[in-house]
Amino acid sequence: MRFRVMANEDKKVLSYGDVVLWSSDVELLRGDNFLNDRVIEFFFAQLKAPYSYLLLPPAISFWISQCSDTPTLLSIIEPLCLTERQVIMLAVNDNEDVNMVGGGCHWSLLVYRRDLNKFQHYDSMGGMNARHARKLATTIQSFLGPDAASANFEEAWTPHQVNGYDCGVYVMAVAQVLCEAYASGIVGSEALLREKVTPTAVMQLRAHVLHQIMSLAQEHMKPC
């Protein structure tokens, strides 16, 4: 969420579903920058996941984690139909100040799997976000149905990032691999993560997402 690259004139680059990307968001993908919530939200939105899989926009995950007003929390959660979802993925950020737009300095991924009745936390910094992930899991747990009351929480094996800025790209890479694994019926994910989420693959994913955004933006600019 931090390190937002500001331009002299921040122009809208792409509207994709409910996601609006600005030039300052897109610039984060160029070079060694920490990604913000909108870039991750775009990536989640374009992943081809079935209805039973829910990849929550990071901003919604943040509000669920921080909201202390029950009626407001219900208004956010009820439309998500959480009890109908088999897999729920939530980006976790370590920002705790609701008044600090773009706060935080680390992203990780929290996954609830109904078939295992388990929360699994994937953190490329070795559990740095564990407290924040547990808080989010505890908050959302009561909205997942009666069985989820006994859900366990575990720190899942995750490839370690090799720098201080790629955590958001690791979240995207891990989410993509897990969606593919679950859809294929693969039970264990560690071997796939070891194979597919490497520093080189992460660098390539950053470039791929940038290319994808710019290609979609060009398509939207074409006259009908």
C-alpha atoms as a PDB file:
ATOM      1  CA  MET A   1       0.000   0.000   0.000  1.00  0.00           C
ATOM      2  CA  ARG A   2       2.884   2.423   0.530  1.00  0.00           C
ATOM      3  CA  PHE A   3       5.407   3.799  -1.986  1.00  0.00           C
ATOM      4  CA  ARG A   4       2.687   5.141  -4.271  1.00  0.00           C
ATOM      5  CA  VAL A   5       4.471   6.614  -7.271  1.00  0.00           C
ATOM      6  CA  MET A   6       2.984  10.021  -7.930  1.00  0.00           C
ATOM      7  CA  ALA A   7       2.856  11.554 -11.362  1.00  0.00           C
ATOM      8  CA  ASN A   8       2.405  15.224 -12.195  1.00  0.00           C
ATOM      9  CA  GLU A   9      -0.960  14.311 -13.642  1.00  0.00           C
ATOM     10  CA  ASP A  10      -2.428  10.995 -12.497  1.00  0.00           C
ATOM     11  CA  LYS A  11      -4.466   9.740 -15.445  1.00  0.00           C
ATOM     12  CA  LYS A  12      -6.921   6.866 -15.565  1.00  0.00           C
ATOM     13  CA  VAL A  13      -5.382   3.992 -17.501  1.00  0.00           C
ATOM     14  CA  LEU A  14      -7.960   1.201 -17.253  1.00  0.00           C
ATOM     15  CA  SER A  15     -11.371   0.356 -15.853  1.00  0.00           C
ATOM     16  CA  TYR A  16     -11.689  -3.399 -15.382  1.00  0.00           C
ATOM     17  CA  GLY A  17     -14.910  -4.449 -13.692  1.00  0.00           C
ATOM     18  CA  ASP A  18     -14.941  -2.604 -10.382  1.00  0.00           C
ATOM     19  CA  VAL A  19     -11.211  -1.846 -10.551  1.00  0.00           C
ATOM     20  CA  VAL A  20      -9.908   1.505 -11.755  1.00  0.00           C
ATOM     21  CA  LEU A  21      -6.176   1.734 -12.381  1.00  0.00           C
ATOM     22  CA  TRP A  22      -4.378   5.070 -12.605  1.00  0.00           C
ATOM     23  CA  SER A  23      -1.013   5.868 -14.127  1.00  0.00           C
ATOM     24  CA  SER A  24       0.568   5.987 -10.663  1.00  0.00           C
ATOM     25  CA  ASP A  25      -0.708   2.442  -9.984  1.00  0.00           C
ATOM     26  CA  VAL A  26       0.688   1.125 -13.255  1.00  0.00           C
ATOM     27  CA  GLU A  27       4.067   2.767 -12.618  1.00  0.00           C
ATOM     28  CA  LEU A  28       4.440   0.587  -9.519  1.00  0.00           C
ATOM     29  CA  LEU A  29       4.889  -2.404 -11.818  1.00  0.00           C
ATOM     30  CA  ARG A  30       7.848  -0.762 -13.525  1.00  0.00           C
ATOM     31  CA  GLY A  31      10.990  -1.452 -11.544  1.00  0.00           C
ATOM     32  CA  ASP A  32      11.562  -2.120  -7.867  1.00  0.00           C
ATOM     33  CA  ASN A  33       8.323  -0.857  -6.317  1.00  0.00           C
ATOM     34  CA  PHE A  34       5.995  -2.098  -3.600  1.00  0.00           C
ATOM     35  CA  LEU A  35       2.578  -2.849  -5.121  1.00  0.00           C
ATOM     36  CA  ASN A  36      -0.592  -1.212  -3.871  1.00  0.00           C
ATOM     37  CA  ASP A  37      -4.041  -2.669  -3.303  1.00  0.00           C
ATOM     38  CA  ARG A  38      -5.432  -1.686  -6.709  1.00  0.00           C
ATOM     39  CA  VAL A  39      -2.821  -3.636  -8.657  1.00  0.00           C
ATOM     40  CA  ILE A  40      -3.476  -6.740  -6.537  1.00  0.00           C
ATOM     41  CA  GLU A  41      -7.234  -6.225  -6.883  1.00  0.00           C
ATOM     42  CA  PHE A  42      -6.880  -6.119 -10.671  1.00  0.00           C
ATOM     43  CA  PHE A  43      -4.903  -9.351 -10.677  1.00  0.00           C
ATOM     44  CA  PHE A  44      -7.446 -11.076  -8.426  1.00  0.00           C
ATOM     45  CA  ALA A  45     -10.281  -9.862 -10.660  1.00  0.00           C
ATOM     46  CA  GLN A  46      -8.771 -11.235 -13.856  1.00  0.00           C
ATOM     47  CA  LEU A  47      -7.936 -14.681 -12.466  1.00  0.00           C
ATOM     48  CA  LYS A  48     -10.360 -17.154 -13.983  1.00  0.00           C
ATOM     49  CA  ALA A  49     -11.782 -18.662 -10.805  1.00  0.00           C
ATOM     50  CA  PRO A  50     -15.156 -20.423 -10.402  1.00  0.00           C
ATOM     51  CA  TYR A  51     -17.947 -18.897  -8.303  1.00  0.00           C
ATOM     52  CA  SER A  52     -17.078 -21.161  -5.374  1.00  0.00           C
ATOM     53  CA  TYR A  53     -13.681 -19.408  -5.161  1.00  0.00           C
ATOM     54  CA  LEU A  54     -13.673 -15.866  -3.811  1.00  0.00           C
ATOM     55  CA  LEU A  55     -10.637 -13.623  -4.134  1.00  0.00           C
ATOM     56  CA  LEU A  56     -11.490 -10.610  -2.026  1.00  0.00           C
ATOM     57  CA  PRO A  57     -10.284  -7.150  -3.059  1.00  0.00           C
ATOM     58  CA  PRO A  58      -7.549  -6.081  -0.622  1.00  0.00           C
ATOM     59  CA  ALA A  59      -9.475  -2.968   0.409  1.00  0.00           C
ATOM     60  CA  ILE A  60     -12.408  -5.122   1.547  1.00  0.00           C
ATOM     61  CA  SER A  61     -10.104  -7.482   3.447  1.00  0.00           C
ATOM     62  CA  PHE A  62      -8.622  -4.448   5.196  1.00  0.00           C
ATOM     63  CA  TRP A  63     -12.005  -3.072   6.223  1.00  0.00           C
ATOM     64  CA  ILE A  64     -13.148  -6.465   7.488  1.00  0.00           C
ATOM     65  CA  SER A  65     -10.007  -6.675   9.600  1.00  0.00           C
ATOM     66  CA  GLN A  66     -10.322  -3.169  11.023  1.00  0.00           C
ATOM     67  CA  CYS A  67     -14.080  -2.598  11.276  1.00  0.00           C
ATOM     68  CA  SER A  68     -15.413  -2.656  14.840  1.00  0.00           C
ATOM     69  CA  ASP A  69     -18.992  -1.679  13.975  1.00  0.00           C
ATOM     70  CA  THR A  70     -21.088  -4.830  13.563  1.00  0.00           C
ATOM     71  CA  PRO A  71     -23.831  -3.363  11.304  1.00  0.00           C
ATOM     72  CA  THR A  72     -21.191  -1.910   8.979  1.00  0.00           C
ATOM     73  CA  LEU A  73     -19.291  -5.194   8.973  1.00  0.00           C
ATOM     74  CA  LEU A  74     -22.460  -7.091   8.090  1.00  0.00           C
ATOM     75  CA  SER A  75     -23.185  -4.708   5.227  1.00  0.00           C
ATOM     76  CA  ILE A  76     -19.745  -5.504   3.807  1.00  0.00           C
ATOM     77  CA  ILE A  77     -19.825  -9.264   4.339  1.00  0.00           C
ATOM     78  CA  GLU A  78     -23.409 -10.320   3.562  1.00  0.00           C
ATOM     79  CA  PRO A  79     -23.220  -9.616  -0.217  1.00  0.00           C
ATOM     80  CA  LEU A  80     -20.119 -11.828  -0.438  1.00  0.00           C
ATOM     81  CA  CYS A  81     -22.133 -15.035   0.224  1.00  0.00           C
ATOM     82  CA  LEU A  82     -19.235 -16.482   2.205  1.00  0.00           C
ATOM     83  CA  THR A  83     -21.095 -19.627   3.279  1.00  0.00           C
ATOM     84  CA  GLU A  84     -21.370 -20.641  -0.395  1.00  0.00           C
ATOM     85  CA  ARG A  85     -17.635 -20.381  -1.062  1.00  0.00           C
ATOM     86  CA  GLN A  86     -15.282 -23.336  -0.941  1.00  0.00           C
ATOM     87  CA  VAL A  87     -12.097 -21.288  -1.162  1.00  0.00           C
ATOM     88  CA  ILE A  88     -11.657 -17.719   0.067  1.00  0.00           C
ATOM     89  CA  MET A  89      -8.449 -15.777  -0.569  1.00  0.00           C
ATOM     90  CA  LEU A  90      -7.679 -12.557   1.261  1.00  0.00           C
ATOM     91  CA  ALA A  91      -4.688 -10.261   0.863  1.00  0.00           C
ATOM     92  CA  VAL A  92      -3.315  -9.311   4.285  1.00  0.00           C
ATOM     93  CA  ASN A  93      -1.615  -5.962   4.893  1.00  0.00           C
ATOM     94  CA  ASP A  94       0.090  -4.857   8.099  1.00  0.00           C
ATOM     95  CA  ASN A  95      -1.482  -1.394   8.082  1.00  0.00           C
ATOM     96  CA  GLU A  96      -3.563  -0.826  11.230  1.00  0.00           C
ATOM     97  CA  ASP A  97      -4.439   2.842  10.720  1.00  0.00           C
ATOM     98  CA  VAL A  98      -7.739   3.272   8.870  1.00  0.00           C
ATOM     99  CA  ASN A  99      -6.945   6.965   8.450  1.00  0.00           C
ATOM    100  CA  MET A 100      -3.684   6.272   6.612  1.00  0.00           C
ATOM    101  CA  VAL A 101      -4.534   5.707   2.978  1.00  0.00           C
ATOM    102  CA  GLY A 102      -1.831   3.599   1.380  1.00  0.00           C
ATOM    103  CA  GLY A 103      -0.294   2.584   4.694  1.00  0.00           C
ATOM    104  CA  GLY A 104       1.456  -0.665   5.469  1.00  0.00           C
ATOM    105  CA  CYS A 105       4.708  -2.192   4.289  1.00  0.00           C
ATOM    106  CA  HIS A 106       4.032  -5.910   3.774  1.00  0.00           C
ATOM    107  CA  TRP A 107       1.530  -8.115   1.935  1.00  0.00           C
ATOM    108  CA  SER A 108       0.733 -11.785   2.536  1.00  0.00           C
ATOM    109  CA  LEU A 109      -2.083 -14.162   1.558  1.00  0.00           C
ATOM    110  CA  LEU A 110      -4.681 -15.778   3.828  1.00  0.00           C
ATOM    111  CA  VAL A 111      -6.668 -18.699   2.402  1.00  0.00           C
ATOM    112  CA  TYR A 112      -9.691 -20.444   3.906  1.00  0.00           C
ATOM    113  CA  ARG A 113     -10.340 -23.930   2.515  1.00  0.00           C
ATOM    114  CA  ARG A 114     -13.724 -25.351   3.410  1.00  0.00           C
ATOM    115  CA  ASP A 115     -12.745 -28.914   2.477  1.00  0.00           C
ATOM    116  CA  LEU A 116      -9.991 -28.780   5.111  1.00  0.00           C
ATOM    117  CA  ASN A 117     -11.824 -26.344   7.405  1.00  0.00           C
ATOM    118  CA  LYS A 118      -8.531 -24.536   7.748  1.00  0.00           C
ATOM    119  CA  PHE A 119      -7.003 -21.090   7.396  1.00  0.00           C
ATOM    120  CA  GLN A 120      -3.622 -21.198   5.690  1.00  0.00           C
ATOM    121  CA  HIS A 121      -1.330 -18.178   5.766  1.00  0.00           C
ATOM    122  CA  TYR A 122       1.183 -17.757   2.943  1.00  0.00           C
ATOM    123  CA  ASP A 123       3.829 -15.189   3.874  1.00  0.00           C
ATOM    124  CA  SER A 124       6.924 -14.605   1.747  1.00  0.00           C
ATOM    125  CA  MET A 125       8.630 -13.023   4.769  1.00  0.00           C
ATOM    126  CA  GLY A 126       8.290 -16.085   6.992  1.00  0.00           C
ATOM    127  CA  GLY A 127       5.283 -15.170   9.119  1.00  0.00           C
ATOM    128  CA  MET A 128       5.896 -11.435   9.408  1.00  0.00           C
ATOM    129  CA  ASN A 129       2.156 -10.834   8.962  1.00  0.00           C
ATOM    130  CA  ALA A 130       1.023 -13.714  11.197  1.00  0.00           C
ATOM    131  CA  ARG A 131      -0.643 -11.489  13.797  1.00  0.00           C
ATOM    132  CA  HIS A 132      -2.550  -9.537  11.167  1.00  0.00           C
ATOM    133  CA  ALA A 133      -3.593 -12.731   9.376  1.00  0.00           C
ATOM    134  CA  ARG A 134      -4.874 -14.285  12.604  1.00  0.00           C
ATOM    135  CA  LYS A 135      -6.858 -11.148  13.358  1.00  0.00           C
ATOM    136  CA  LEU A 136      -8.471 -11.247   9.916  1.00  0.00           C
ATOM    137  CA  ALA A 137      -9.197 -14.974  10.223  1.00  0.00           C
ATOM    138  CA  THR A 138     -10.817 -14.488  13.631  1.00  0.00           C
ATOM    139  CA  THR A 139     -12.992 -11.658  12.338  1.00  0.00           C
ATOM    140  CA  ILE A 140     -14.236 -13.462   9.243  1.00  0.00           C
ATOM    141  CA  GLN A 141     -14.542 -16.904  10.848  1.00  0.00           C
ATOM    142  CA  SER A 142     -17.993 -16.329  12.336  1.00  0.00           C
ATOM    143  CA  PHE A 143     -19.403 -15.474   8.895  1.00  0.00           C
ATOM    144  CA  LEU A 144     -18.288 -18.697   7.191  1.00  0.00           C
ATOM    145  CA  GLY A 145     -20.893 -21.046   8.657  1.00  0.00           C
ATOM    146  CA  PRO A 146     -21.070 -23.211  11.807  1.00  0.00           C
ATOM    147  CA  ASP A 147     -18.327 -25.663  10.811  1.00  0.00           C
ATOM    148  CA  ALA A 148     -15.800 -22.865  10.466  1.00  0.00           C
ATOM    149  CA  ALA A 149     -16.020 -22.176  14.192  1.00  0.00           C
ATOM    150  CA  SER A 150     -13.544 -25.029  14.686  1.00  0.00           C
ATOM    151  CA  ALA A 151     -11.272 -24.058  11.782  1.00  0.00           C
ATOM    152  CA  ASN A 152      -7.542 -24.270  12.454  1.00  0.00           C
ATOM    153  CA  PHE A 153      -4.928 -21.696  11.482  1.00  0.00           C
ATOM    154  CA  GLU A 154      -1.549 -22.660  10.087  1.00  0.00           C
ATOM    155  CA  GLU A 155       1.472 -20.982   8.595  1.00  0.00           C
ATOM    156  CA  ALA A 156       1.816 -22.634   5.185  1.00  0.00           C
ATOM    157  CA  TRP A 157       5.167 -23.075   3.482  1.00  0.00           C
ATOM    158  CA  THR A 158       5.812 -20.133   1.183  1.00  0.00           C
ATOM    159  CA  PRO A 159       8.736 -19.232  -1.088  1.00  0.00           C
ATOM    160  CA  HIS A 160      10.784 -16.426   0.469  1.00  0.00           C
ATOM    161  CA  GLN A 161      11.108 -13.158  -1.371  1.00  0.00           C
ATOM    162  CA  VAL A 162      14.665 -12.068  -2.082  1.00  0.00           C
ATOM    163  CA  ASN A 163      14.147  -8.313  -1.733  1.00  0.00           C
ATOM    164  CA  GLY A 164      12.105  -5.829   0.258  1.00  0.00           C
ATOM    165  CA  TYR A 165       9.486  -4.862  -2.318  1.00  0.00           C
ATOM    166  CA  ASP A 166       8.098  -7.958  -4.095  1.00  0.00           C
ATOM    167  CA  CYS A 167       5.699  -9.197  -1.396  1.00  0.00           C
ATOM    168  CA  GLY A 168       2.642  -8.108  -3.402  1.00  0.00           C
ATOM    169  CA  VAL A 169       3.876  -9.968  -6.473  1.00  0.00           C
ATOM    170  CA  TYR A 170       4.403 -13.069  -4.329  1.00  0.00           C
ATOM    171  CA  VAL A 171       0.790 -12.778  -3.140  1.00  0.00           C
ATOM    172  CA  MET A 172      -0.367 -12.725  -6.753  1.00  0.00           C
ATOM    173  CA  ALA A 173       1.917 -15.586  -7.781  1.00  0.00           C
ATOM    174  CA  VAL A 174       0.889 -17.808  -4.869  1.00  0.00           C
ATOM    175  CA  ALA A 175      -2.812 -17.068  -5.420  1.00  0.00           C
ATOM    176  CA  GLN A 176      -2.511 -18.021  -9.085  1.00  0.00           C
ATOM    177  CA  VAL A 177      -0.714 -21.299  -8.362  1.00  0.00           C
ATOM    178  CA  LEU A 178      -3.185 -22.229  -5.616  1.00  0.00           C
ATOM    179  CA  CYS A 179      -6.220 -21.524  -7.810  1.00  0.00           C
ATOM    180  CA  GLU A 180      -4.773 -23.756 -10.518  1.00  0.00           C
ATOM    181  CA  ALA A 181      -3.899 -26.481  -8.007  1.00  0.00           C
ATOM    182  CA  TYR A 182      -7.328 -26.494  -6.351  1.00  0.00           C
ATOM    183  CA  ALA A 183      -9.103 -26.549  -9.721  1.00  0.00           C
ATOM    184  CA  SER A 184      -6.986 -29.548 -10.757  1.00  0.00           C
ATOM    185  CA  GLY A 185      -7.720 -31.409  -7.538  1.00  0.00           C
ATOM    186  CA  ILE A 186      -4.103 -31.275  -6.368  1.00  0.00           C
ATOM    187  CA  VAL A 187      -4.028 -31.715  -2.588  1.00  0.00           C
ATOM    188  CA  GLY A 188      -0.500 -30.636  -1.678  1.00  0.00           C
ATOM    189  CA  SER A 189       0.675 -27.254  -2.924  1.00  0.00           C
ATOM    190  CA  GLU A 190       4.237 -26.990  -1.571  1.00  0.00           C
ATOM    191  CA  ALA A 191       5.884 -28.780  -4.497  1.00  0.00           C
ATOM    192  CA  LEU A 192       4.027 -26.593  -6.992  1.00  0.00           C
ATOM    193  CA  LEU A 193       4.950 -23.429  -5.119  1.00  0.00           C
ATOM    194  CA  ARG A 194       8.600 -24.484  -5.033  1.00  0.00           C
ATOM    195  CA  GLU A 195       8.514 -25.111  -8.767  1.00  0.00           C
ATOM    196  CA  LYS A 196       6.473 -22.154  -9.964  1.00  0.00           C
ATOM    197  CA  VAL A 197       7.054 -19.305  -7.502  1.00  0.00           C
ATOM    198  CA  THR A 198      10.716 -18.509  -7.991  1.00  0.00           C
ATOM    199  CA  PRO A 199      12.448 -15.106  -8.060  1.00  0.00           C
ATOM    200  CA  THR A 200      12.610 -15.337 -11.848  1.00  0.00           C
ATOM    201  CA  ALA A 201       8.925 -16.259 -12.112  1.00  0.00           C
ATOM    202  CA  VAL A 202       8.001 -13.381  -9.812  1.00  0.00           C
ATOM    203  CA  MET A 203       9.967 -10.922 -11.955  1.00  0.00           C
ATOM    204  CA  GLN A 204       8.248 -12.284 -15.058  1.00  0.00           C
ATOM    205  CA  LEU A 205       4.816 -12.025 -13.430  1.00  0.00           C
ATOM    206  CA  ARG A 206       5.415  -8.356 -12.623  1.00  0.00           C
ATOM    207  CA  ALA A 207       6.218  -7.728 -16.295  1.00  0.00           C
ATOM    208  CA  HIS A 208       3.279  -9.870 -17.448  1.00  0.00           C
ATOM    209  CA  VAL A 209       0.748  -7.959 -15.351  1.00  0.00           C
ATOM    210  CA  LEU A 210       2.087  -4.653 -16.672  1.00  0.00           C
ATOM    211  CA  HIS A 211       1.805  -5.928 -20.251  1.00  0.00           C
ATOM    212  CA  GLN A 212      -1.702  -7.232 -19.586  1.00  0.00           C
ATOM    213  CA  ILE A 213      -2.881  -3.887 -18.207  1.00  0.00           C
ATOM    214  CA  MET A 214      -1.421  -1.915 -21.098  1.00  0.00           C
ATOM    215  CA  SER A 215      -2.879  -4.337 -23.661  1.00  0.00           C
ATOM    216  CA  LEU A 216      -6.341  -4.075 -22.110  1.00  0.00           C
ATOM    217  CA  ALA A 217      -6.032  -0.298 -21.967  1.00  0.00           C
ATOM    218  CA  GLN A 218      -5.205  -0.174 -25.687  1.00  0.00           C
ATOM    219  CA  GLU A 219      -8.162  -2.423 -26.505  1.00  0.00           C
ATOM    220  CA  HIS A 220     -10.513  -0.152 -24.570  1.00  0.00           C
ATOM    221  CA  MET A 221      -9.222   2.857 -26.505  1.00  0.00           C
ATOM    222  CA  LYS A 222     -10.108   1.352 -29.889  1.00  0.00           C
ATOM    223  CA  PRO A 223     -13.206   2.866 -31.526  1.00  0.00           C
ATOM    224  CA  CYS A 224     -16.259   0.618 -31.647  1.00  0.00           C
END
